[in-house]
C-alpha atoms as a PDB file:
ATOM      1  CA  MET A   1     -73.205   3.587  33.200  1.00  0.00           C
ATOM      2  CA  THR A   2     -71.367   1.483  30.635  1.00  0.00           C
ATOM      3  CA  ASP A   3     -71.750   2.055  26.923  1.00  0.00           C
ATOM      4  CA  VAL A   4     -73.587  -1.086  25.799  1.00  0.00           C
ATOM      5  CA  PRO A   5     -74.910  -0.949  22.236  1.00  0.00           C
ATOM      6  CA  ALA A   6     -78.663  -1.608  22.116  1.00  0.00           C
ATOM      7  CA  ASP A   7     -78.299  -4.627  19.827  1.00  0.00           C
ATOM      8  CA  VAL A   8     -75.688  -6.210  22.092  1.00  0.00           C
ATOM      9  CA  GLU A   9     -77.843  -5.546  25.159  1.00  0.00           C
ATOM     10  CA  SER A  10     -80.798  -7.185  23.434  1.00  0.00           C
ATOM     11  CA  VAL A  11     -78.845 -10.282  22.437  1.00  0.00           C
ATOM     12  CA  LEU A  12     -77.264 -10.699  25.881  1.00  0.00           C
ATOM     13  CA  SER A  13     -80.623 -10.192  27.602  1.00  0.00           C
ATOM     14  CA  GLN A  14     -82.201 -12.890  25.455  1.00  0.00           C
ATOM     15  CA  LEU A  15     -79.318 -15.291  26.050  1.00  0.00           C
ATOM     16  CA  PHE A  16     -79.321 -14.741  29.822  1.00  0.00           C
ATOM     17  CA  GLU A  17     -83.093 -15.219  29.929  1.00  0.00           C
ATOM     18  CA  GLU A  18     -82.815 -18.428  27.904  1.00  0.00           C
ATOM     19  CA  ALA A  19     -79.997 -19.703  30.127  1.00  0.00           C
ATOM     20  CA  GLY A  20     -81.843 -18.870  33.337  1.00  0.00           C
ATOM     21  CA  ASP A  21     -85.021 -20.584  32.157  1.00  0.00           C
ATOM     22  CA  ALA A  22     -83.065 -23.638  31.031  1.00  0.00           C
ATOM     23  CA  PHE A  23     -81.169 -23.883  34.339  1.00  0.00           C
ATOM     24  CA  ASP A  24     -84.481 -23.560  36.206  1.00  0.00           C
ATOM     25  CA  ARG A  25     -85.921 -26.544  34.362  1.00  0.00           C
ATOM     26  CA  GLY A  26     -82.684 -28.566  34.634  1.00  0.00           C
ATOM     27  CA  ASP A  27     -81.760 -28.377  30.941  1.00  0.00           C
ATOM     28  CA  VAL A  28     -78.032 -27.956  31.472  1.00  0.00           C
ATOM     29  CA  GLU A  29     -77.056 -28.480  27.827  1.00  0.00           C
ATOM     30  CA  THR A  30     -79.273 -25.653  26.547  1.00  0.00           C
ATOM     31  CA  ALA A  31     -78.315 -23.361  29.430  1.00  0.00           C
ATOM     32  CA  VAL A  32     -74.582 -23.888  29.000  1.00  0.00           C
ATOM     33  CA  SER A  33     -74.907 -23.322  25.263  1.00  0.00           C
ATOM     34  CA  ALA A  34     -76.675 -19.986  25.884  1.00  0.00           C
ATOM     35  CA  VAL A  35     -74.051 -18.975  28.463  1.00  0.00           C
ATOM     36  CA  ALA A  36     -71.213 -19.892  26.085  1.00  0.00           C
ATOM     37  CA  THR A  37     -72.823 -17.827  23.334  1.00  0.00           C
ATOM     38  CA  ALA A  38     -73.257 -14.896  25.742  1.00  0.00           C
ATOM     39  CA  SER A  39     -69.571 -15.161  26.590  1.00  0.00           C
ATOM     40  CA  GLU A  40     -68.660 -15.025  22.896  1.00  0.00           C
ATOM     41  CA  VAL A  41     -70.918 -12.001  22.338  1.00  0.00           C
ATOM     42  CA  ALA A  42     -69.398 -10.186  25.321  1.00  0.00           C
ATOM     43  CA  THR A  43     -65.876 -10.995  24.156  1.00  0.00           C
ATOM     44  CA  ASN A  44     -66.488  -9.897  20.578  1.00  0.00           C
ATOM     45  CA  LYS A  45     -68.896  -6.993  20.994  1.00  0.00           C
ATOM     46  CA  LEU A  46     -68.018  -5.258  24.267  1.00  0.00           C
ATOM     47  CA  PRO A  47     -64.889  -3.174  24.809  1.00  0.00           C
ATOM     48  CA  ASP A  48     -62.258  -4.467  27.196  1.00  0.00           C
ATOM     49  CA  SER A  49     -63.575  -3.183  30.524  1.00  0.00           C
ATOM     50  CA  GLU A  50     -64.461  -4.135  34.080  1.00  0.00           C
ATOM     51  CA  PHE A  51     -68.053  -4.692  32.933  1.00  0.00           C
ATOM     52  CA  ARG A  52     -67.015  -7.164  30.236  1.00  0.00           C
ATOM     53  CA  SER A  53     -64.725  -8.912  32.730  1.00  0.00           C
ATOM     54  CA  GLN A  54     -67.627  -9.249  35.180  1.00  0.00           C
ATOM     55  CA  LEU A  55     -69.871 -10.791  32.534  1.00  0.00           C
ATOM     56  CA  LEU A  56     -67.167 -13.194  31.385  1.00  0.00           C
ATOM     57  CA  HIS A  57     -66.474 -14.214  34.987  1.00  0.00           C
ATOM     58  CA  GLY A  58     -70.185 -14.834  35.556  1.00  0.00           C
ATOM     59  CA  CYS A  59     -70.412 -16.937  32.405  1.00  0.00           C
ATOM     60  CA  GLU A  60     -67.394 -19.002  33.454  1.00  0.00           C
ATOM     61  CA  ARG A  61     -68.778 -19.567  36.969  1.00  0.00           C
ATOM     62  CA  ALA A  62     -72.286 -20.426  35.750  1.00  0.00           C
ATOM     63  CA  GLU A  63     -70.913 -23.052  33.395  1.00  0.00           C
ATOM     64  CA  ALA A  64     -68.495 -24.415  35.992  1.00  0.00           C
ATOM     65  CA  VAL A  65     -71.053 -24.898  38.757  1.00  0.00           C
ATOM     66  CA  ALA A  66     -73.648 -26.344  36.370  1.00  0.00           C
ATOM     67  CA  THR A  67     -71.282 -28.868  34.831  1.00  0.00           C
ATOM     68  CA  GLY A  68     -69.246 -29.610  37.945  1.00  0.00           C
ATOM     69  CA  GLU A  69     -69.423 -32.718  40.066  1.00  0.00           C
ATOM     70  CA  ASP A  70     -72.458 -31.442  42.004  1.00  0.00           C
ATOM     71  CA  GLY A  71     -74.262 -30.037  38.947  1.00  0.00           C
ATOM     72  CA  ASP A  72     -75.680 -27.092  40.886  1.00  0.00           C
ATOM     73  CA  THR A  73     -78.150 -25.592  38.400  1.00  0.00           C
ATOM     74  CA  ALA A  74     -79.701 -23.368  41.103  1.00  0.00           C
ATOM     75  CA  ALA A  75     -76.351 -21.665  41.714  1.00  0.00           C
ATOM     76  CA  ALA A  76     -75.792 -21.386  37.961  1.00  0.00           C
ATOM     77  CA  ALA A  77     -79.203 -19.733  37.600  1.00  0.00           C
ATOM     78  CA  GLU A  78     -78.208 -17.230  40.294  1.00  0.00           C
ATOM     79  CA  TYR A  79     -75.045 -16.329  38.381  1.00  0.00           C
ATOM     80  CA  VAL A  80     -77.170 -15.756  35.280  1.00  0.00           C
ATOM     81  CA  ALA A  81     -79.660 -13.632  37.240  1.00  0.00           C
ATOM     82  CA  ALA A  82     -76.788 -11.540  38.602  1.00  0.00           C
ATOM     83  CA  MET A  83     -75.495 -10.975  35.068  1.00  0.00           C
ATOM     84  CA  GLU A  84     -78.977  -9.957  33.927  1.00  0.00           C
ATOM     85  CA  ARG A  85     -79.133  -7.399  36.734  1.00  0.00           C
ATOM     86  CA  ARG A  86     -75.629  -6.115  35.952  1.00  0.00           C
ATOM     87  CA  LEU A  87     -76.517  -5.760  32.270  1.00  0.00           C
ATOM     88  CA  ALA A  88     -79.684  -3.822  33.127  1.00  0.00           C
ATOM     89  CA  GLU A  89     -77.664  -1.512  35.402  1.00  0.00           C
ATOM     90  CA  ALA A  90     -75.033  -0.941  32.734  1.00  0.00           C
ATOM     91  CA  ALA A  91     -77.569  -0.193  30.032  1.00  0.00           C
ATOM     92  CA  SER A  92     -79.565   2.312  32.090  1.00  0.00           C
END
């Protein structure tokens, strides 16, 4: 278990849900914006830890695959789903 403040968990959950939904419908701009905001929240509100590093890595990868040459929004959505699962595990 990782110590994730309830307000930070709530914000990250909302952002990951928004990003996943946006990737699913092909709205890359909205999804990347939500992922970038999630990255900022994790950087500013979570202590330096393996958990924070995992979330930041997932955010970086989601943005990279969505905005890369192939624009793979399905893969980006999977990164977001993995971060949602990791957040739920950490908060429980």
